[in-house]
Amino acid sequence: KLLQTILPLLIEREMMQLIFSMTARFNDSWIASKGFTYRQSDYHMDRFDFNPIFISSPRLQIRQANFEDISDLCSIESACFTEIHSEPFMRYANLLCDPDYFIVVANFQGQNIGKAHLRWQEQEAQFFDIGILPKFQKRGFGGELIASCINFSLQKGKAKQAL
């Protein structure tokens, strides 16, 4: 409905490309039926700030992942992403041993429901592969997870974060 409402304005202003932030699975069914095409792509966002993010009412317990979490990490990855790495168990085992890599798990009421990957670079922290299990999405857990990642990177001395 939103697109139908604003379509005349988009055409008038010759805006032929729109960027939406949504999961790839969401796009398959309705985009083509409305005459639109979907192009998978990733966008880059940077933050440069020395101030931590205040989480007023934290609901997640966020901690560094360990080898006991690998099964949950694989489950979260397969539920959240369409492209799954081959041999995910071995991939996580290797990543957990990498000193420049930091994986966090988000636990809600005793269940690991999300994860995020942080890579320590010389000048910045890079965030990627951030996911919350689908049944826990749209509750603010993703924002809390990203805020925690920002705070972890600031503790590591990285005031610049790239998503």
C-alpha atoms as a PDB file:
ATOM      1  CA  LYS A   1       0.000   0.000   0.000  1.00  0.00           C
ATOM      2  CA  LEU A   2       2.853   2.348   0.801  1.00  0.00           C
ATOM      3  CA  LEU A   3       4.452   1.824  -2.606  1.00  0.00           C
ATOM      4  CA  GLN A   4       1.123   2.277  -4.390  1.00  0.00           C
ATOM      5  CA  THR A   5       0.542   5.526  -2.513  1.00  0.00           C
ATOM      6  CA  ILE A   6       3.952   7.032  -3.223  1.00  0.00           C
ATOM      7  CA  LEU A   7       4.488   5.621  -6.714  1.00  0.00           C
ATOM      8  CA  PRO A   8       3.250   8.791  -8.524  1.00  0.00           C
ATOM      9  CA  LEU A   9       5.640  10.906  -6.452  1.00  0.00           C
ATOM     10  CA  LEU A  10       8.526   8.538  -7.193  1.00  0.00           C
ATOM     11  CA  ILE A  11       7.823   8.682 -10.918  1.00  0.00           C
ATOM     12  CA  GLU A  12       7.495  12.475 -10.856  1.00  0.00           C
ATOM     13  CA  ARG A  13      10.859  12.816  -9.133  1.00  0.00           C
ATOM     14  CA  GLU A  14      12.406  10.139 -11.354  1.00  0.00           C
ATOM     15  CA  MET A  15      13.331   7.987  -8.385  1.00  0.00           C
ATOM     16  CA  MET A  16      13.671   4.608 -10.024  1.00  0.00           C
ATOM     17  CA  GLN A  17      15.619   2.828  -7.306  1.00  0.00           C
ATOM     18  CA  LEU A  18      14.561   2.338  -3.698  1.00  0.00           C
ATOM     19  CA  ILE A  19      16.475   0.714  -0.880  1.00  0.00           C
ATOM     20  CA  PHE A  20      14.581  -1.380   1.667  1.00  0.00           C
ATOM     21  CA  SER A  21      16.102  -3.169   4.603  1.00  0.00           C
ATOM     22  CA  MET A  22      14.465  -6.575   4.865  1.00  0.00           C
ATOM     23  CA  THR A  23      15.295 -10.237   4.732  1.00  0.00           C
ATOM     24  CA  ALA A  24      15.679 -11.851   1.326  1.00  0.00           C
ATOM     25  CA  ARG A  25      12.967 -14.429   2.078  1.00  0.00           C
ATOM     26  CA  PHE A  26      10.430 -11.626   2.494  1.00  0.00           C
ATOM     27  CA  ASN A  27      11.014 -10.344  -1.024  1.00  0.00           C
ATOM     28  CA  ASP A  28      10.343 -13.430  -3.099  1.00  0.00           C
ATOM     29  CA  SER A  29       6.568 -13.499  -3.136  1.00  0.00           C
ATOM     30  CA  TRP A  30       5.237  -9.965  -3.343  1.00  0.00           C
ATOM     31  CA  ILE A  31       7.848  -7.898  -5.173  1.00  0.00           C
ATOM     32  CA  ALA A  32       7.426  -9.575  -8.571  1.00  0.00           C
ATOM     33  CA  SER A  33       3.634  -9.589  -8.319  1.00  0.00           C
ATOM     34  CA  LYS A  34       3.689  -5.783  -8.030  1.00  0.00           C
ATOM     35  CA  GLY A  35       5.954  -5.340 -11.038  1.00  0.00           C
ATOM     36  CA  PHE A  36       9.148  -4.715  -9.070  1.00  0.00           C
ATOM     37  CA  THR A  37      12.419  -6.611  -9.140  1.00  0.00           C
ATOM     38  CA  TYR A  38      14.596  -7.471  -6.189  1.00  0.00           C
ATOM     39  CA  ARG A  39      18.384  -7.288  -6.303  1.00  0.00           C
ATOM     40  CA  GLN A  40      20.193  -8.777  -3.349  1.00  0.00           C
ATOM     41  CA  SER A  41      22.928  -6.505  -2.140  1.00  0.00           C
ATOM     42  CA  ASP A  42      24.623  -5.425   1.029  1.00  0.00           C
ATOM     43  CA  TYR A  43      25.034  -1.857   2.134  1.00  0.00           C
ATOM     44  CA  HIS A  44      27.775  -0.455   4.285  1.00  0.00           C
ATOM     45  CA  MET A  45      27.216   1.790   7.294  1.00  0.00           C
ATOM     46  CA  ASP A  46      29.883   3.431   9.448  1.00  0.00           C
ATOM     47  CA  ARG A  47      29.697   4.828  12.955  1.00  0.00           C
ATOM     48  CA  PHE A  48      32.453   6.930  14.489  1.00  0.00           C
ATOM     49  CA  ASP A  49      31.669   7.849  18.070  1.00  0.00           C
ATOM     50  CA  PHE A  50      33.398   7.383  21.404  1.00  0.00           C
ATOM     51  CA  ASN A  51      30.109   7.251  23.326  1.00  0.00           C
ATOM     52  CA  PRO A  52      28.685   3.890  24.344  1.00  0.00           C
ATOM     53  CA  ILE A  53      25.055   3.027  23.691  1.00  0.00           C
ATOM     54  CA  PHE A  54      22.924   3.026  26.812  1.00  0.00           C
ATOM     55  CA  ILE A  55      20.566   0.056  26.957  1.00  0.00           C
ATOM     56  CA  SER A  56      17.828   1.195  29.316  1.00  0.00           C
ATOM     57  CA  SER A  57      16.092  -2.128  29.960  1.00  0.00           C
ATOM     58  CA  PRO A  58      18.345  -4.925  28.760  1.00  0.00           C
ATOM     59  CA  ARG A  59      16.520  -8.185  28.118  1.00  0.00           C
ATOM     60  CA  LEU A  60      19.372 -10.147  26.591  1.00  0.00           C
ATOM     61  CA  GLN A  61      22.425 -11.674  28.165  1.00  0.00           C
ATOM     62  CA  ILE A  62      25.182 -11.064  25.646  1.00  0.00           C
ATOM     63  CA  ARG A  63      28.523 -12.784  25.914  1.00  0.00           C
ATOM     64  CA  GLN A  64      31.390 -14.051  23.834  1.00  0.00           C
ATOM     65  CA  ALA A  65      30.604 -17.339  22.116  1.00  0.00           C
ATOM     66  CA  ASN A  66      32.529 -20.494  23.019  1.00  0.00           C
ATOM     67  CA  PHE A  67      32.836 -24.000  21.602  1.00  0.00           C
ATOM     68  CA  GLU A  68      29.701 -25.167  23.440  1.00  0.00           C
ATOM     69  CA  ASP A  69      27.707 -22.601  21.421  1.00  0.00           C
ATOM     70  CA  ILE A  70      28.679 -23.911  17.972  1.00  0.00           C
ATOM     71  CA  SER A  71      25.516 -25.957  17.500  1.00  0.00           C
ATOM     72  CA  ASP A  72      23.335 -22.941  18.369  1.00  0.00           C
ATOM     73  CA  LEU A  73      25.419 -20.675  16.122  1.00  0.00           C
ATOM     74  CA  CYS A  74      24.875 -23.066  13.201  1.00  0.00           C
ATOM     75  CA  SER A  75      21.123 -23.203  13.917  1.00  0.00           C
ATOM     76  CA  ILE A  76      20.825 -19.416  14.087  1.00  0.00           C
ATOM     77  CA  GLU A  77      22.790 -19.049  10.851  1.00  0.00           C
ATOM     78  CA  SER A  78      20.625 -21.550   8.966  1.00  0.00           C
ATOM     79  CA  ALA A  79      17.416 -19.910  10.234  1.00  0.00           C
ATOM     80  CA  CYS A  80      18.490 -16.346   9.437  1.00  0.00           C
ATOM     81  CA  PHE A  81      20.520 -16.481   6.233  1.00  0.00           C
ATOM     82  CA  THR A  82      19.808 -17.896   2.798  1.00  0.00           C
ATOM     83  CA  GLU A  83      23.479 -18.488   1.989  1.00  0.00           C
ATOM     84  CA  ILE A  84      24.969 -21.001   4.386  1.00  0.00           C
ATOM     85  CA  HIS A  85      28.692 -21.667   4.519  1.00  0.00           C
ATOM     86  CA  SER A  86      29.847 -25.186   3.795  1.00  0.00           C
ATOM     87  CA  GLU A  87      30.857 -27.106   6.897  1.00  0.00           C
ATOM     88  CA  PRO A  88      29.523 -24.493   9.345  1.00  0.00           C
ATOM     89  CA  PHE A  89      30.641 -26.439  12.426  1.00  0.00           C
ATOM     90  CA  MET A  90      34.294 -26.380  11.323  1.00  0.00           C
ATOM     91  CA  ARG A  91      33.965 -22.744  10.228  1.00  0.00           C
ATOM     92  CA  TYR A  92      32.823 -21.723  13.713  1.00  0.00           C
ATOM     93  CA  ALA A  93      35.505 -23.850  15.374  1.00  0.00           C
ATOM     94  CA  ASN A  94      38.137 -22.002  13.333  1.00  0.00           C
ATOM     95  CA  LEU A  95      36.615 -18.559  13.884  1.00  0.00           C
ATOM     96  CA  LEU A  96      36.484 -19.044  17.655  1.00  0.00           C
ATOM     97  CA  CYS A  97      40.261 -19.616  17.616  1.00  0.00           C
ATOM     98  CA  ASP A  98      41.002 -16.451  15.620  1.00  0.00           C
ATOM     99  CA  PRO A  99      42.248 -13.640  17.917  1.00  0.00           C
ATOM    100  CA  ASP A 100      40.993 -10.968  15.494  1.00  0.00           C
ATOM    101  CA  TYR A 101      37.485 -12.402  15.473  1.00  0.00           C
ATOM    102  CA  PHE A 102      34.842 -12.100  18.158  1.00  0.00           C
ATOM    103  CA  ILE A 103      31.467 -13.844  18.018  1.00  0.00           C
ATOM    104  CA  VAL A 104      28.769 -12.927  20.509  1.00  0.00           C
ATOM    105  CA  VAL A 105      25.631 -14.840  21.373  1.00  0.00           C
ATOM    106  CA  ALA A 106      22.425 -13.227  22.561  1.00  0.00           C
ATOM    107  CA  ASN A 107      20.589 -15.269  25.163  1.00  0.00           C
ATOM    108  CA  PHE A 108      16.955 -14.666  26.105  1.00  0.00           C
ATOM    109  CA  GLN A 109      15.410 -16.586  28.969  1.00  0.00           C
ATOM    110  CA  GLY A 110      17.991 -19.365  28.768  1.00  0.00           C
ATOM    111  CA  GLN A 111      17.940 -19.762  24.962  1.00  0.00           C
ATOM    112  CA  ASN A 112      20.540 -18.517  22.495  1.00  0.00           C
ATOM    113  CA  ILE A 113      18.381 -16.550  20.053  1.00  0.00           C
ATOM    114  CA  GLY A 114      20.909 -14.434  18.182  1.00  0.00           C
ATOM    115  CA  LYS A 115      24.500 -13.919  17.180  1.00  0.00           C
ATOM    116  CA  ALA A 116      26.827 -11.321  15.740  1.00  0.00           C
ATOM    117  CA  HIS A 117      30.329 -11.476  14.322  1.00  0.00           C
ATOM    118  CA  LEU A 118      32.899  -8.783  15.035  1.00  0.00           C
ATOM    119  CA  ARG A 119      36.252  -8.578  13.319  1.00  0.00           C
ATOM    120  CA  TRP A 120      38.926  -6.440  14.882  1.00  0.00           C
ATOM    121  CA  GLN A 121      40.782  -4.390  12.281  1.00  0.00           C
ATOM    122  CA  GLU A 122      43.565  -1.946  13.009  1.00  0.00           C
ATOM    123  CA  GLN A 123      41.345   1.149  12.816  1.00  0.00           C
ATOM    124  CA  GLU A 124      37.834  -0.253  13.268  1.00  0.00           C
ATOM    125  CA  ALA A 125      35.545  -3.057  14.306  1.00  0.00           C
ATOM    126  CA  GLN A 126      33.536  -4.683  11.529  1.00  0.00           C
ATOM    127  CA  PHE A 127      30.109  -6.152  12.340  1.00  0.00           C
ATOM    128  CA  PHE A 128      28.454  -8.760  10.132  1.00  0.00           C
ATOM    129  CA  ASP A 129      26.408 -11.973  10.147  1.00  0.00           C
ATOM    130  CA  ILE A 130      24.058 -10.449  12.700  1.00  0.00           C
ATOM    131  CA  GLY A 131      20.958 -12.548  13.170  1.00  0.00           C
ATOM    132  CA  ILE A 132      18.059 -13.102  15.535  1.00  0.00           C
ATOM    133  CA  LEU A 133      15.974 -16.269  15.240  1.00  0.00           C
ATOM    134  CA  PRO A 134      12.823 -15.466  13.222  1.00  0.00           C
ATOM    135  CA  LYS A 135      10.364 -16.170  16.047  1.00  0.00           C
ATOM    136  CA  PHE A 136      12.164 -13.570  18.207  1.00  0.00           C
ATOM    137  CA  GLN A 137      12.406 -10.852  15.561  1.00  0.00           C
ATOM    138  CA  LYS A 138      10.534  -7.532  15.682  1.00  0.00           C
ATOM    139  CA  ARG A 139      10.929  -7.223  19.466  1.00  0.00           C
ATOM    140  CA  GLY A 140      13.971  -4.950  19.598  1.00  0.00           C
ATOM    141  CA  PHE A 141      16.452  -7.764  20.234  1.00  0.00           C
ATOM    142  CA  GLY A 142      18.450  -6.934  17.089  1.00  0.00           C
ATOM    143  CA  GLY A 143      18.906  -3.340  18.191  1.00  0.00           C
ATOM    144  CA  GLU A 144      20.008  -4.454  21.639  1.00  0.00           C
ATOM    145  CA  LEU A 145      22.470  -6.897  20.076  1.00  0.00           C
ATOM    146  CA  ILE A 146      23.956  -4.213  17.802  1.00  0.00           C
ATOM    147  CA  ALA A 147      24.174  -1.747  20.717  1.00  0.00           C
ATOM    148  CA  SER A 148      26.056  -4.385  22.709  1.00  0.00           C
ATOM    149  CA  CYS A 149      28.428  -4.952  19.783  1.00  0.00           C
ATOM    150  CA  ILE A 150      29.115  -1.222  19.646  1.00  0.00           C
ATOM    151  CA  ASN A 151      29.870  -1.228  23.368  1.00  0.00           C
ATOM    152  CA  PHE A 152      32.155  -4.288  23.041  1.00  0.00           C
ATOM    153  CA  SER A 153      34.094  -2.551  20.267  1.00  0.00           C
ATOM    154  CA  LEU A 154      34.465   0.621  22.344  1.00  0.00           C
ATOM    155  CA  GLN A 155      35.865  -1.470  25.201  1.00  0.00           C
ATOM    156  CA  LYS A 156      38.388  -2.818  22.694  1.00  0.00           C
ATOM    157  CA  GLY A 157      39.366   0.770  21.794  1.00  0.00           C
ATOM    158  CA  LYS A 158      37.593   0.810  18.425  1.00  0.00           C
ATOM    159  CA  ALA A 159      35.613   4.048  18.107  1.00  0.00           C
ATOM    160  CA  LYS A 160      34.869   3.353  14.445  1.00  0.00           C
ATOM    161  CA  GLN A 161      32.444   0.571  13.656  1.00  0.00           C
ATOM    162  CA  ALA A 162      31.469  -0.657  10.214  1.00  0.00           C
ATOM    163  CA  LEU A 163      28.283  -2.638   9.618  1.00  0.00           C
END
